PDB file of N, CA and C in Angstrom:
ATOM      1  N   UNK A   1     107.899-314.194  64.405  1.00  0.00           N
ATOM      2  CA  UNK A   1     107.573-315.587  64.217  1.00  0.00           C
ATOM      3  C   UNK A   1     106.693-315.708  62.973  1.00  0.00           C
ATOM      4  N   UNK A   2     107.009-316.621  62.125  1.00  0.00           N
ATOM      5  CA  UNK A   2     106.292-316.814  60.866  1.00  0.00           C
ATOM      6  C   UNK A   2     105.122-317.775  61.081  1.00  0.00           C
ATOM      7  N   UNK A   3     103.949-317.350  60.646  1.00  0.00           N
ATOM      8  CA  UNK A   3     102.750-318.179  60.712  1.00  0.00           C
ATOM      9  C   UNK A   3     102.446-318.695  59.306  1.00  0.00           C
ATOM     10  N   UNK A   4     102.296-319.997  59.178  1.00  0.00           N
ATOM     11  CA  UNK A   4     102.007-320.587  57.872  1.00  0.00           C
ATOM     12  C   UNK A   4     100.515-320.498  57.576  1.00  0.00           C
ATOM     13  N   UNK A   5     100.189-320.462  56.300  1.00  0.00           N
ATOM     14  CA  UNK A   5      98.785-320.403  55.899  1.00  0.00           C
ATOM     15  C   UNK A   5      98.029-321.667  56.299  1.00  0.00           C
ATOM     16  N   UNK A   6      98.733-322.815  56.386  1.00  0.00           N
ATOM     17  CA  UNK A   6      98.085-324.051  56.841  1.00  0.00           C
ATOM     18  C   UNK A   6      97.574-323.893  58.268  1.00  0.00           C
ATOM     19  N   UNK A   7      98.334-323.198  59.100  1.00  0.00           N
ATOM     20  CA  UNK A   7      97.913-322.963  60.479  1.00  0.00           C
ATOM     21  C   UNK A   7      96.667-322.077  60.508  1.00  0.00           C
ATOM     22  N   UNK A   8      96.655-321.050  59.681  1.00  0.00           N
ATOM     23  CA  UNK A   8      95.498-320.162  59.594  1.00  0.00           C
ATOM     24  C   UNK A   8      94.278-320.931  59.094  1.00  0.00           C
ATOM     25  N   UNK A   9      94.474-321.782  58.099  1.00  0.00           N
ATOM     26  CA  UNK A   9      93.370-322.570  57.561  1.00  0.00           C
ATOM     27  C   UNK A   9      92.803-323.526  58.613  1.00  0.00           C
ATOM     28  N   UNK A  10      93.704-324.127  59.409  1.00  0.00           N
ATOM     29  CA  UNK A  10      93.245-325.044  60.459  1.00  0.00           C
ATOM     30  C   UNK A  10      92.452-324.284  61.522  1.00  0.00           C
ATOM     31  N   UNK A  11      92.939-323.110  61.939  1.00  0.00           N
ATOM     32  CA  UNK A  11      92.213-322.314  62.929  1.00  0.00           C
ATOM     33  C   UNK A  11      90.876-321.840  62.372  1.00  0.00           C
ATOM     34  N   UNK A  12      90.850-321.456  61.097  1.00  0.00           N
ATOM     35  CA  UNK A  12      89.605-321.020  60.467  1.00  0.00           C
ATOM     36  C   UNK A  12      88.605-322.173  60.415  1.00  0.00           C
ATOM     37  N   UNK A  13      89.090-323.368  60.138  1.00  0.00           N
ATOM     38  CA  UNK A  13      88.211-324.540  60.104  1.00  0.00           C
ATOM     39  C   UNK A  13      87.642-324.814  61.494  1.00  0.00           C
ATOM     40  N   UNK A  14      88.488-324.768  62.517  1.00  0.00           N
ATOM     41  CA  UNK A  14      88.030-325.014  63.888  1.00  0.00           C
ATOM     42  C   UNK A  14      87.033-323.964  64.348  1.00  0.00           C
ATOM     43  N   UNK A  15      87.213-322.724  63.883  1.00  0.00           N
ATOM     44  CA  UNK A  15      86.304-321.638  64.251  1.00  0.00           C
ATOM     45  C   UNK A  15      85.124-321.547  63.296  1.00  0.00           C
ATOM     46  N   UNK A  16      85.066-322.434  62.327  1.00  0.00           N
ATOM     47  CA  UNK A  16      83.996-322.452  61.325  1.00  0.00           C
ATOM     48  C   UNK A  16      83.893-321.126  60.585  1.00  0.00           C
ATOM     49  N   UNK A  17      85.071-320.628  60.142  1.00  0.00           N
ATOM     50  CA  UNK A  17      85.142-319.382  59.383  1.00  0.00           C
ATOM     51  C   UNK A  17      85.511-319.703  57.942  1.00  0.00           C
ATOM     52  N   UNK A  18      84.867-319.031  57.027  1.00  0.00           N
ATOM     53  CA  UNK A  18      85.218-319.156  55.617  1.00  0.00           C
ATOM     54  C   UNK A  18      86.004-317.911  55.233  1.00  0.00           C
ATOM     55  N   UNK A  19      87.321-318.075  55.069  1.00  0.00           N
ATOM     56  CA  UNK A  19      88.198-316.938  54.787  1.00  0.00           C
ATOM     57  C   UNK A  19      88.682-316.993  53.343  1.00  0.00           C
ATOM     58  N   UNK A  20      88.755-315.833  52.725  1.00  0.00           N
ATOM     59  CA  UNK A  20      89.341-315.757  51.386  1.00  0.00           C
ATOM     60  C   UNK A  20      90.864-315.785  51.532  1.00  0.00           C
ATOM     61  N   UNK A  21      91.552-315.912  50.410  1.00  0.00           N
ATOM     62  CA  UNK A  21      93.016-315.947  50.454  1.00  0.00           C
ATOM     63  C   UNK A  21      93.587-314.635  51.003  1.00  0.00           C
ATOM     64  N   UNK A  22      92.974-313.510  50.628  1.00  0.00           N
ATOM     65  CA  UNK A  22      93.430-312.213  51.153  1.00  0.00           C
ATOM     66  C   UNK A  22      93.239-312.131  52.667  1.00  0.00           C
ATOM     67  N   UNK A  23      92.110-312.614  53.142  1.00  0.00           N
ATOM     68  CA  UNK A  23      91.844-312.597  54.581  1.00  0.00           C
ATOM     69  C   UNK A  23      92.811-313.501  55.338  1.00  0.00           C
ATOM     70  N   UNK A  24      93.133-314.660  54.750  1.00  0.00           N
ATOM     71  CA  UNK A  24      94.098-315.565  55.380  1.00  0.00           C
ATOM     72  C   UNK A  24      95.469-314.897  55.492  1.00  0.00           C
ATOM     73  N   UNK A  25      95.892-314.225  54.423  1.00  0.00           N
ATOM     74  CA  UNK A  25      97.181-313.533  54.433  1.00  0.00           C
ATOM     75  C   UNK A  25      97.193-312.415  55.468  1.00  0.00           C
ATOM     76  N   UNK A  26      96.122-311.630  55.505  1.00  0.00           N
ATOM     77  CA  UNK A  26      96.030-310.539  56.474  1.00  0.00           C
ATOM     78  C   UNK A  26      96.019-311.086  57.901  1.00  0.00           C
ATOM     79  N   UNK A  27      95.270-312.183  58.136  1.00  0.00           N
ATOM     80  CA  UNK A  27      95.206-312.769  59.462  1.00  0.00           C
ATOM     81  C   UNK A  27      96.571-313.324  59.877  1.00  0.00           C
ATOM     82  N   UNK A  28      97.289-313.903  58.943  1.00  0.00           N
ATOM     83  CA  UNK A  28      98.631-314.410  59.258  1.00  0.00           C
ATOM     84  C   UNK A  28      99.529-313.258  59.699  1.00  0.00           C
ATOM     85  N   UNK A  29      99.441-312.131  59.003  1.00  0.00           N
ATOM     86  CA  UNK A  29     100.230-310.961  59.392  1.00  0.00           C
ATOM     87  C   UNK A  29      99.833-310.451  60.767  1.00  0.00           C
ATOM     88  N   UNK A  30      98.529-310.442  61.060  1.00  0.00           N
ATOM     89  CA  UNK A  30      98.058-309.988  62.374  1.00  0.00           C
ATOM     90  C   UNK A  30      98.558-310.917  63.481  1.00  0.00           C
ATOM     91  N   UNK A  31      98.490-312.230  63.246  1.00  0.00           N
ATOM     92  CA  UNK A  31      98.974-313.180  64.239  1.00  0.00           C
ATOM     93  C   UNK A  31     100.479-313.030  64.464  1.00  0.00           C
ATOM     94  N   UNK A  32     101.222-312.779  63.389  1.00  0.00           N
ATOM     95  CA  UNK A  32     102.667-312.580  63.531  1.00  0.00           C
ATOM     96  C   UNK A  32     102.960-311.358  64.395  1.00  0.00           C
ATOM     97  N   UNK A  33     102.202-310.277  64.209  1.00  0.00           N
ATOM     98  CA  UNK A  33     102.388-309.074  65.032  1.00  0.00           C
ATOM     99  C   UNK A  33     102.081-309.367  66.491  1.00  0.00           C
ATOM    100  N   UNK A  34     101.018-310.123  66.739  1.00  0.00           N
ATOM    101  CA  UNK A  34     100.651-310.461  68.119  1.00  0.00           C
ATOM    102  C   UNK A  34     101.743-311.301  68.770  1.00  0.00           C
ATOM    103  N   UNK A  35     102.244-312.296  68.049  1.00  0.00           N
ATOM    104  CA  UNK A  35     103.281-313.159  68.618  1.00  0.00           C
ATOM    105  C   UNK A  35     104.595-312.404  68.823  1.00  0.00           C
ATOM    106  N   UNK A  36     104.918-311.473  67.930  1.00  0.00           N
ATOM    107  CA  UNK A  36     106.107-310.644  68.124  1.00  0.00           C
ATOM    108  C   UNK A  36     105.970-309.789  69.380  1.00  0.00           C
ATOM    109  N   UNK A  37     104.770-309.256  69.601  1.00  0.00           N
ATOM    110  CA  UNK A  37     104.528-308.460  70.807  1.00  0.00           C
ATOM    111  C   UNK A  37     104.660-309.333  72.054  1.00  0.00           C
ATOM    112  N   UNK A  38     104.163-310.573  71.996  1.00  0.00           N
ATOM    113  CA  UNK A  38     104.305-311.491  73.124  1.00  0.00           C
ATOM    114  C   UNK A  38     105.777-311.797  73.390  1.00  0.00           C
ATOM    115  N   UNK A  39     106.575-311.905  72.335  1.00  0.00           N
ATOM    116  CA  UNK A  39     108.013-312.122  72.524  1.00  0.00           C
ATOM    117  C   UNK A  39     108.647-310.934  73.234  1.00  0.00           C
ATOM    118  N   UNK A  40     108.207-309.716  72.894  1.00  0.00           N
ATOM    119  CA  UNK A  40     108.717-308.533  73.598  1.00  0.00           C
ATOM    120  C   UNK A  40     108.348-308.586  75.076  1.00  0.00           C
ATOM    121  N   UNK A  41     107.153-309.024  75.390  1.00  0.00           N
ATOM    122  CA  UNK A  41     106.743-309.132  76.793  1.00  0.00           C
ATOM    123  C   UNK A  41     107.563-310.180  77.537  1.00  0.00           C
ATOM    124  N   UNK A  42     107.942-311.248  76.844  1.00  0.00           N
ATOM    125  CA  UNK A  42     108.750-312.287  77.487  1.00  0.00           C
ATOM    126  C   UNK A  42     110.146-311.787  77.834  1.00  0.00           C
ATOM    127  N   UNK A  43     110.609-310.730  77.180  1.00  0.00           N
ATOM    128  CA  UNK A  43     111.926-310.176  77.468  1.00  0.00           C
ATOM    129  C   UNK A  43     111.953-309.342  78.749  1.00  0.00           C
ATOM    130  N   UNK A  44     110.791-308.945  79.246  1.00  0.00           N
ATOM    131  CA  UNK A  44     110.717-308.110  80.440  1.00  0.00           C
ATOM    132  C   UNK A  44     111.073-308.944  81.665  1.00  0.00           C
ATOM    133  N   UNK A  45     111.925-308.386  82.522  1.00  0.00           N
ATOM    134  CA  UNK A  45     112.337-309.072  83.739  1.00  0.00           C
ATOM    135  C   UNK A  45     111.225-308.953  84.784  1.00  0.00           C
ATOM    136  N   UNK A  46     110.611-310.079  85.115  1.00  0.00           N
ATOM    137  CA  UNK A  46     109.533-310.088  86.106  1.00  0.00           C
ATOM    138  C   UNK A  46     109.941-310.848  87.364  1.00  0.00           C
ATOM    139  N   UNK A  47     111.224-311.008  87.556  1.00  0.00           N
ATOM    140  CA  UNK A  47     111.728-311.719  88.738  1.00  0.00           C
ATOM    141  C   UNK A  47     111.344-310.954  90.003  1.00  0.00           C
ATOM    142  N   UNK A  48     110.697-311.628  90.927  1.00  0.00           N
ATOM    143  CA  UNK A  48     110.321-311.012  92.195  1.00  0.00           C
ATOM    144  C   UNK A  48     109.032-310.201  92.147  1.00  0.00           C
ATOM    145  N   UNK A  49     108.355-310.194  91.019  1.00  0.00           N
ATOM    146  CA  UNK A  49     107.102-309.448  90.906  1.00  0.00           C
ATOM    147  C   UNK A  49     105.958-310.385  91.261  1.00  0.00           C
ATOM    148  N   UNK A  50     105.143-309.968  92.240  1.00  0.00           N
ATOM    149  CA  UNK A  50     104.010-310.785  92.653  1.00  0.00           C
ATOM    150  C   UNK A  50     102.924-310.762  91.576  1.00  0.00           C
ATOM    151  N   UNK A  51     102.248-311.879  91.356  1.00  0.00           N
ATOM    152  CA  UNK A  51     101.149-311.889  90.383  1.00  0.00           C
ATOM    153  C   UNK A  51     100.025-310.963  90.838  1.00  0.00           C
ATOM    154  N   UNK A  52      99.397-310.304  89.886  1.00  0.00           N
ATOM    155  CA  UNK A  52      98.303-309.393  90.182  1.00  0.00           C
ATOM    156  C   UNK A  52      97.007-310.185  90.229  1.00  0.00           C
ATOM    157  N   UNK A  53      96.329-310.130  91.378  1.00  0.00           N
ATOM    158  CA  UNK A  53      95.066-310.843  91.530  1.00  0.00           C
ATOM    159  C   UNK A  53      93.901-309.873  91.367  1.00  0.00           C
ATOM    160  N   UNK A  54      94.006-308.703  91.997  1.00  0.00           N
ATOM    161  CA  UNK A  54      92.957-307.690  91.920  1.00  0.00           C
ATOM    162  C   UNK A  54      93.571-306.380  91.462  1.00  0.00           C
ATOM    163  N   UNK A  55      92.754-305.531  90.859  1.00  0.00           N
ATOM    164  CA  UNK A  55      93.235-304.248  90.380  1.00  0.00           C
ATOM    165  C   UNK A  55      93.417-303.235  91.508  1.00  0.00           C
ATOM    166  N   UNK A  56      92.838-303.489  92.666  1.00  0.00           N
ATOM    167  CA  UNK A  56      92.999-302.598  93.805  1.00  0.00           C
ATOM    168  C   UNK A  56      93.179-303.443  95.053  1.00  0.00           C
ATOM    169  N   UNK A  57      93.618-302.814  96.128  1.00  0.00           N
ATOM    170  CA  UNK A  57      93.954-303.548  97.343  1.00  0.00           C
ATOM    171  C   UNK A  57      92.721-304.028  98.107  1.00  0.00           C
ATOM    172  N   UNK A  58      91.611-303.347  97.984  1.00  0.00           N
ATOM    173  CA  UNK A  58      90.424-303.725  98.734  1.00  0.00           C
ATOM    174  C   UNK A  58      89.711-304.893  98.055  1.00  0.00           C
ATOM    175  N   UNK A  59      89.375-305.880  98.852  1.00  0.00           N
ATOM    176  CA  UNK A  59      88.621-307.011  98.330  1.00  0.00           C
ATOM    177  C   UNK A  59      87.435-307.279  99.242  1.00  0.00           C
ATOM    178  N   UNK A  60      86.372-307.768  98.654  1.00  0.00           N
ATOM    179  CA  UNK A  60      85.162-308.133  99.388  1.00  0.00           C
ATOM    180  C   UNK A  60      84.664-307.021 100.299  1.00  0.00           C
ATOM    181  N   UNK A  61      84.466-305.858  99.735  1.00  0.00           N
ATOM    182  CA  UNK A  61      83.921-304.738 100.486  1.00  0.00           C
ATOM    183  C   UNK A  61      82.408-304.806 100.351  1.00  0.00           C
ATOM    184  N   UNK A  62      81.742-305.066 101.452  1.00  0.00           N
ATOM    185  CA  UNK A  62      80.299-305.219 101.436  1.00  0.00           C
ATOM    186  C   UNK A  62      79.649-304.114 102.251  1.00  0.00           C
ATOM    187  N   UNK A  63      78.422-303.769 101.894  1.00  0.00           N
ATOM    188  CA  UNK A  63      77.653-302.844 102.718  1.00  0.00           C
ATOM    189  C   UNK A  63      76.812-303.676 103.669  1.00  0.00           C
ATOM    190  N   UNK A  64      76.371-303.075 104.736  1.00  0.00           N
ATOM    191  CA  UNK A  64      75.524-303.786 105.673  1.00  0.00           C
ATOM    192  C   UNK A  64      74.153-303.999 105.044  1.00  0.00           C
ATOM    193  N   UNK A  65      73.604-305.170 105.257  1.00  0.00           N
ATOM    194  CA  UNK A  65      72.302-305.517 104.711  1.00  0.00           C
ATOM    195  C   UNK A  65      71.223-305.069 105.698  1.00  0.00           C
ATOM    196  N   UNK A  66      70.862-303.806 105.557  1.00  0.00           N
ATOM    197  CA  UNK A  66      69.896-303.222 106.469  1.00  0.00           C
ATOM    198  C   UNK A  66      68.713-302.718 105.652  1.00  0.00           C
ATOM    199  N   UNK A  67      67.504-303.102 106.056  1.00  0.00           N
ATOM    200  CA  UNK A  67      66.314-302.602 105.383  1.00  0.00           C
ATOM    201  C   UNK A  67      66.165-301.124 105.706  1.00  0.00           C
ATOM    202  N   UNK A  68      66.003-300.323 104.675  1.00  0.00           N
ATOM    203  CA  UNK A  68      65.915-298.883 104.858  1.00  0.00           C
ATOM    204  C   UNK A  68      64.727-298.383 104.039  1.00  0.00           C
ATOM    205  N   UNK A  69      63.550-298.463 104.607  1.00  0.00           N
ATOM    206  CA  UNK A  69      62.329-298.110 103.899  1.00  0.00           C
ATOM    207  C   UNK A  69      61.982-296.660 104.213  1.00  0.00           C
ATOM    208  N   UNK A  70      62.360-295.760 103.334  1.00  0.00           N
ATOM    209  CA  UNK A  70      62.131-294.338 103.558  1.00  0.00           C
ATOM    210  C   UNK A  70      60.870-293.832 102.873  1.00  0.00           C
ATOM    211  N   UNK A  71      60.230-294.660 102.073  1.00  0.00           N
ATOM    212  CA  UNK A  71      59.065-294.256 101.311  1.00  0.00           C
ATOM    213  C   UNK A  71      57.797-294.677 102.069  1.00  0.00           C
ATOM    214  N   UNK A  72      56.944-293.737 102.328  1.00  0.00           N
ATOM    215  CA  UNK A  72      55.696-294.073 103.009  1.00  0.00           C
ATOM    216  C   UNK A  72      54.724-294.667 102.003  1.00  0.00           C
ATOM    217  N   UNK A  73      53.683-295.302 102.511  1.00  0.00           N
ATOM    218  CA  UNK A  73      52.686-295.909 101.636  1.00  0.00           C
ATOM    219  C   UNK A  73      52.016-294.852 100.765  1.00  0.00           C
ATOM    220  N   UNK A  74      51.684-293.714 101.328  1.00  0.00           N
ATOM    221  CA  UNK A  74      51.031-292.640 100.569  1.00  0.00           C
ATOM    222  C   UNK A  74      51.945-292.116  99.466  1.00  0.00           C
ATOM    223  N   UNK A  75      53.243-291.971  99.754  1.00  0.00           N
ATOM    224  CA  UNK A  75      54.196-291.513  98.735  1.00  0.00           C
ATOM    225  C   UNK A  75      54.353-292.546  97.624  1.00  0.00           C
ATOM    226  N   UNK A  76      54.346-293.838  97.981  1.00  0.00           N
ATOM    227  CA  UNK A  76      54.476-294.889  96.987  1.00  0.00           C
ATOM    228  C   UNK A  76      53.276-294.970  96.061  1.00  0.00           C
ATOM    229  N   UNK A  77      52.094-294.728  96.585  1.00  0.00           N
ATOM    230  CA  UNK A  77      50.869-294.807  95.793  1.00  0.00           C
ATOM    231  C   UNK A  77      50.519-293.503  95.096  1.00  0.00           C
ATOM    232  N   UNK A  78      51.259-292.438  95.339  1.00  0.00           N
ATOM    233  CA  UNK A  78      50.904-291.112  94.857  1.00  0.00           C
ATOM    234  C   UNK A  78      50.712-291.056  93.338  1.00  0.00           C
ATOM    235  N   UNK A  79      51.627-291.586  92.557  1.00  0.00           N
ATOM    236  CA  UNK A  79      51.557-291.505  91.091  1.00  0.00           C
ATOM    237  C   UNK A  79      50.959-292.746  90.437  1.00  0.00           C
ATOM    238  N   UNK A  80      50.411-293.660  91.208  1.00  0.00           N
ATOM    239  CA  UNK A  80      49.843-294.885  90.642  1.00  0.00           C
ATOM    240  C   UNK A  80      48.618-294.554  89.805  1.00  0.00           C
ATOM    241  N   UNK A  81      48.505-295.131  88.590  1.00  0.00           N
ATOM    242  CA  UNK A  81      47.351-294.834  87.749  1.00  0.00           C
ATOM    243  C   UNK A  81      46.042-295.350  88.355  1.00  0.00           C
ATOM    244  N   UNK A  82      46.082-296.524  88.994  1.00  0.00           N
ATOM    245  CA  UNK A  82      44.906-297.065  89.658  1.00  0.00           C
ATOM    246  C   UNK A  82      45.332-297.561  91.025  1.00  0.00           C
ATOM    247  N   UNK A  83      44.565-297.173  92.039  1.00  0.00           N
ATOM    248  CA  UNK A  83      44.908-297.570  93.401  1.00  0.00           C
ATOM    249  C   UNK A  83      43.658-297.513  94.254  1.00  0.00           C
ATOM    250  N   UNK A  84      43.702-298.213  95.372  1.00  0.00           N
ATOM    251  CA  UNK A  84      42.701-297.994  96.397  1.00  0.00           C
ATOM    252  C   UNK A  84      43.433-297.399  97.589  1.00  0.00           C
ATOM    253  N   UNK A  85      42.902-297.447  98.741  1.00  0.00           N
ATOM    254  CA  UNK A  85      43.555-296.758  99.861  1.00  0.00           C
ATOM    255  C   UNK A  85      44.882-297.387 100.286  1.00  0.00           C
ATOM    256  N   UNK A  86      45.135-298.659  99.938  1.00  0.00           N
ATOM    257  CA  UNK A  86      46.345-299.319 100.419  1.00  0.00           C
ATOM    258  C   UNK A  86      47.169-300.034  99.348  1.00  0.00           C
ATOM    259  N   UNK A  87      46.611-300.278  98.141  1.00  0.00           N
ATOM    260  CA  UNK A  87      47.273-301.145  97.180  1.00  0.00           C
ATOM    261  C   UNK A  87      47.229-300.568  95.767  1.00  0.00           C
ATOM    262  N   UNK A  88      48.154-301.044  94.930  1.00  0.00           N
ATOM    263  CA  UNK A  88      48.079-300.791  93.498  1.00  0.00           C
ATOM    264  C   UNK A  88      46.992-301.688  92.938  1.00  0.00           C
ATOM    265  N   UNK A  89      46.246-301.193  91.982  1.00  0.00           N
ATOM    266  CA  UNK A  89      45.230-302.005  91.322  1.00  0.00           C
ATOM    267  C   UNK A  89      45.715-302.307  89.910  1.00  0.00           C
ATOM    268  N   UNK A  90      45.682-303.585  89.536  1.00  0.00           N
ATOM    269  CA  UNK A  90      46.139-304.027  88.219  1.00  0.00           C
ATOM    270  C   UNK A  90      45.068-304.895  87.591  1.00  0.00           C
ATOM    271  N   UNK A  91      45.091-305.016  86.248  1.00  0.00           N
ATOM    272  CA  UNK A  91      44.085-305.870  85.602  1.00  0.00           C
ATOM    273  C   UNK A  91      44.255-307.329  86.007  1.00  0.00           C
ATOM    274  N   UNK A  92      43.170-308.039  86.054  1.00  0.00           N
ATOM    275  CA  UNK A  92      43.198-309.470  86.401  1.00  0.00           C
ATOM    276  C   UNK A  92      43.817-310.250  85.243  1.00  0.00           C
ATOM    277  N   UNK A  93      44.789-311.121  85.534  1.00  0.00           N
ATOM    278  CA  UNK A  93      45.452-311.876  84.482  1.00  0.00           C
ATOM    279  C   UNK A  93      45.131-313.361  84.555  1.00  0.00           C
ATOM    280  N   UNK A  94      44.687-313.840  85.678  1.00  0.00           N
ATOM    281  CA  UNK A  94      44.358-315.257  85.828  1.00  0.00           C
ATOM    282  C   UNK A  94      42.850-315.375  86.028  1.00  0.00           C
ATOM    283  N   UNK A  95      42.240-316.245  85.259  1.00  0.00           N
ATOM    284  CA  UNK A  95      40.788-316.440  85.362  1.00  0.00           C
ATOM    285  C   UNK A  95      40.460-317.357  86.493  1.00  0.00           C
TER     286      UNK A  95
END
C-alpha cells in the first residue's frame, strides 16, 4: 500500500513532530511495510478461532488474605539505629 507524503505530514502535524524530508520519506516506507504486514495477517484464515482474552487459562488467582507475622518485636528492633525497649526512635518533625 502506498503512503503519500501528505498523509505523513498530516500525522506529523497531529503528533507535533517536525520531520525533515528524509525522515518523512523513511517514515512513509516504514508505514508501507507495516501495512503490507497487516495485509499478510488479513490473509490468514481465522474462521472458528476464539478471540484470545488471557495469555493463560487461569484467571483471578488470589492468595488468601491472612496476616502472617513471623517477626518478633525483638527481631524487628535488632538493627534499628535508635530504639527504646518497644519502639523505633526517630527525630521529631512536627513542632
